[in-house]
Amino acid sequence: MGSIMKEKETKNFILRIDVDTMAAIERWAADEFRSTNGQLQWIINEALRKSGRIKKTKADRQEVESK
């Protein structure tokens, strides 16, 4: 049998955000062909990786090494 990728568990929560910030996120998401939810997940993940709070991916390590 082939390998089966395990789906990540997710947690739902309510986020209160001001109208102007939400509009900017929606425009950014549209520019990158993502859903608003996907864009927020990406923004949060990037901030966590850059601050060293989650492990860097192989692509991140290669980017640092090439600089």
N, C-alpha and C. Protein backbone atom coordinates (compact mmCIF):
# COMPACT_ATOMS: atom_id res chain seq x y z
N MET A 1 0.83 -1.20 0.00
CA MET A 1 0.00 0.00 0.00
C MET A 1 0.87 1.25 0.00
N GLY A 2 0.38 2.31 -0.63
CA GLY A 2 1.10 3.57 -0.67
C GLY A 2 1.04 4.29 0.66
N SER A 3 1.89 5.29 0.81
CA SER A 3 1.87 6.04 2.07
C SER A 3 0.65 6.97 2.10
N ILE A 4 0.09 7.08 3.26
CA ILE A 4 -1.08 7.93 3.46
C ILE A 4 -0.64 9.10 4.33
N MET A 5 -0.88 10.32 3.83
CA MET A 5 -0.51 11.51 4.59
C MET A 5 -1.53 11.73 5.70
N LYS A 6 -1.03 11.98 6.89
CA LYS A 6 -1.91 12.25 8.02
C LYS A 6 -2.37 13.71 7.93
N GLU A 7 -3.66 13.90 8.03
CA GLU A 7 -4.21 15.26 7.97
C GLU A 7 -3.99 15.94 9.31
N LYS A 8 -3.54 17.19 9.28
CA LYS A 8 -3.31 17.93 10.51
C LYS A 8 -4.65 18.23 11.19
N GLU A 9 -4.63 18.15 12.50
CA GLU A 9 -5.82 18.54 13.25
C GLU A 9 -5.89 20.06 13.26
N THR A 10 -7.09 20.58 13.25
CA THR A 10 -7.26 22.02 13.31
C THR A 10 -8.16 22.38 14.49
N LYS A 11 -8.05 23.59 14.93
CA LYS A 11 -8.87 24.11 16.02
C LYS A 11 -9.55 25.36 15.51
N ASN A 12 -10.85 25.42 15.66
CA ASN A 12 -11.61 26.59 15.26
C ASN A 12 -11.69 27.59 16.40
N PHE A 13 -11.66 28.88 16.05
CA PHE A 13 -11.84 29.92 17.06
C PHE A 13 -12.37 31.18 16.37
N ILE A 14 -12.94 32.05 17.17
CA ILE A 14 -13.48 33.30 16.65
C ILE A 14 -12.41 34.37 16.76
N LEU A 15 -12.25 35.15 15.70
CA LEU A 15 -11.26 36.22 15.67
C LEU A 15 -11.98 37.54 15.42
N ARG A 16 -11.78 38.48 16.29
CA ARG A 16 -12.33 39.82 16.09
C ARG A 16 -11.22 40.68 15.49
N ILE A 17 -11.54 41.33 14.38
CA ILE A 17 -10.52 42.11 13.67
C ILE A 17 -11.19 43.35 13.09
N ASP A 18 -10.49 44.46 13.10
CA ASP A 18 -11.12 45.69 12.61
C ASP A 18 -11.34 45.62 11.10
N VAL A 19 -12.27 46.40 10.64
CA VAL A 19 -12.72 46.37 9.24
C VAL A 19 -11.59 46.67 8.26
N ASP A 20 -10.78 47.67 8.55
CA ASP A 20 -9.70 48.04 7.63
C ASP A 20 -8.65 46.94 7.51
N THR A 21 -8.30 46.32 8.64
CA THR A 21 -7.33 45.23 8.61
C THR A 21 -7.89 44.04 7.83
N MET A 22 -9.16 43.73 8.06
CA MET A 22 -9.78 42.61 7.36
C MET A 22 -9.82 42.86 5.85
N ALA A 23 -10.13 44.08 5.47
CA ALA A 23 -10.15 44.41 4.04
C ALA A 23 -8.77 44.24 3.41
N ALA A 24 -7.73 44.65 4.13
CA ALA A 24 -6.37 44.50 3.62
C ALA A 24 -6.00 43.02 3.48
N ILE A 25 -6.40 42.20 4.45
CA ILE A 25 -6.12 40.77 4.39
C ILE A 25 -6.87 40.13 3.23
N GLU A 26 -8.10 40.53 3.01
CA GLU A 26 -8.89 39.98 1.91
C GLU A 26 -8.26 40.34 0.56
N ARG A 27 -7.77 41.57 0.42
CA ARG A 27 -7.11 41.97 -0.83
C ARG A 27 -5.83 41.17 -1.05
N TRP A 28 -5.05 41.01 0.02
CA TRP A 28 -3.80 40.25 -0.04
C TRP A 28 -4.09 38.80 -0.42
N ALA A 29 -5.10 38.22 0.19
CA ALA A 29 -5.48 36.84 -0.13
C ALA A 29 -5.86 36.71 -1.60
N ALA A 30 -6.64 37.65 -2.10
CA ALA A 30 -7.04 37.62 -3.51
C ALA A 30 -5.83 37.74 -4.43
N ASP A 31 -4.88 38.59 -4.06
CA ASP A 31 -3.67 38.76 -4.86
C ASP A 31 -2.87 37.46 -4.96
N GLU A 32 -2.93 36.64 -3.92
CA GLU A 32 -2.15 35.40 -3.89
C GLU A 32 -3.01 34.16 -4.13
N PHE A 33 -4.25 34.37 -4.60
CA PHE A 33 -5.16 33.28 -4.94
C PHE A 33 -5.40 32.33 -3.76
N ARG A 34 -5.57 32.92 -2.57
CA ARG A 34 -5.87 32.15 -1.37
C ARG A 34 -7.22 32.61 -0.83
N SER A 35 -7.82 31.75 -0.01
CA SER A 35 -9.00 32.18 0.74
C SER A 35 -8.53 33.10 1.86
N THR A 36 -9.43 33.86 2.42
CA THR A 36 -9.07 34.73 3.54
C THR A 36 -8.56 33.87 4.70
N ASN A 37 -9.23 32.76 4.98
CA ASN A 37 -8.81 31.87 6.05
C ASN A 37 -7.41 31.32 5.76
N GLY A 38 -7.17 30.91 4.54
CA GLY A 38 -5.86 30.40 4.16
C GLY A 38 -4.78 31.46 4.31
N GLN A 39 -5.11 32.69 3.97
CA GLN A 39 -4.13 33.78 4.10
C GLN A 39 -3.80 34.03 5.56
N LEU A 40 -4.81 34.03 6.42
CA LEU A 40 -4.57 34.21 7.85
C LEU A 40 -3.71 33.08 8.41
N GLN A 41 -3.97 31.85 7.98
CA GLN A 41 -3.16 30.72 8.44
C GLN A 41 -1.71 30.90 7.98
N TRP A 42 -1.52 31.34 6.74
CA TRP A 42 -0.18 31.54 6.20
C TRP A 42 0.55 32.64 6.98
N ILE A 43 -0.14 33.77 7.23
CA ILE A 43 0.47 34.89 7.97
C ILE A 43 0.92 34.43 9.35
N ILE A 44 0.05 33.72 10.05
CA ILE A 44 0.37 33.25 11.40
C ILE A 44 1.53 32.27 11.36
N ASN A 45 1.50 31.33 10.42
CA ASN A 45 2.57 30.34 10.30
C ASN A 45 3.91 31.01 10.00
N GLU A 46 3.92 31.97 9.09
CA GLU A 46 5.15 32.68 8.76
C GLU A 46 5.70 33.41 9.98
N ALA A 47 4.84 34.08 10.73
CA ALA A 47 5.29 34.80 11.92
C ALA A 47 5.87 33.84 12.95
N LEU A 48 5.24 32.69 13.13
CA LEU A 48 5.74 31.70 14.10
C LEU A 48 7.09 31.13 13.67
N ARG A 49 7.26 30.83 12.39
CA ARG A 49 8.53 30.30 11.90
C ARG A 49 9.64 31.34 12.02
N LYS A 50 9.35 32.58 11.62
CA LYS A 50 10.37 33.63 11.66
C LYS A 50 10.80 33.96 13.08
N SER A 51 9.90 33.78 14.05
CA SER A 51 10.24 34.07 15.45
C SER A 51 10.88 32.87 16.14
N GLY A 52 10.99 31.74 15.42
CA GLY A 52 11.61 30.55 15.98
C GLY A 52 10.70 29.77 16.92
N ARG A 53 9.41 30.02 16.87
CA ARG A 53 8.47 29.33 17.76
C ARG A 53 7.98 28.00 17.21
N ILE A 54 8.18 27.77 15.91
CA ILE A 54 7.93 26.46 15.32
C ILE A 54 9.13 26.13 14.44
N LYS A 55 9.31 24.85 14.15
CA LYS A 55 10.46 24.41 13.36
C LYS A 55 10.40 24.97 11.95
N LYS A 56 11.57 25.30 11.45
CA LYS A 56 11.68 25.75 10.06
C LYS A 56 11.59 24.56 9.13
N THR A 57 11.05 24.77 7.96
CA THR A 57 10.95 23.72 6.97
C THR A 57 12.27 23.58 6.23
N LYS A 58 12.41 22.50 5.47
CA LYS A 58 13.61 22.28 4.67
C LYS A 58 13.82 23.45 3.71
N ALA A 59 12.74 23.96 3.10
CA ALA A 59 12.84 25.09 2.17
C ALA A 59 13.38 26.33 2.87
N ASP A 60 12.96 26.56 4.12
CA ASP A 60 13.44 27.71 4.88
C ASP A 60 14.95 27.61 5.11
N ARG A 61 15.41 26.41 5.49
CA ARG A 61 16.83 26.21 5.76
C ARG A 61 17.64 26.40 4.49
N GLN A 62 17.15 25.93 3.35
CA GLN A 62 17.86 26.09 2.08
C GLN A 62 17.93 27.56 1.70
N GLU A 63 16.87 28.31 1.97
CA GLU A 63 16.85 29.74 1.65
C GLU A 63 17.91 30.48 2.45
N VAL A 64 18.05 30.16 3.71
CA VAL A 64 19.05 30.80 4.58
C VAL A 64 20.45 30.45 4.10
N GLU A 65 20.66 29.18 3.74
CA GLU A 65 21.98 28.72 3.30
C GLU A 65 22.40 29.37 1.99
N SER A 66 21.44 29.71 1.14
CA SER A 66 21.78 30.27 -0.18
C SER A 66 22.09 31.77 -0.11
N LYS A 67 21.85 32.39 1.02
CA LYS A 67 22.10 33.84 1.15
C LYS A 67 23.52 34.13 1.54
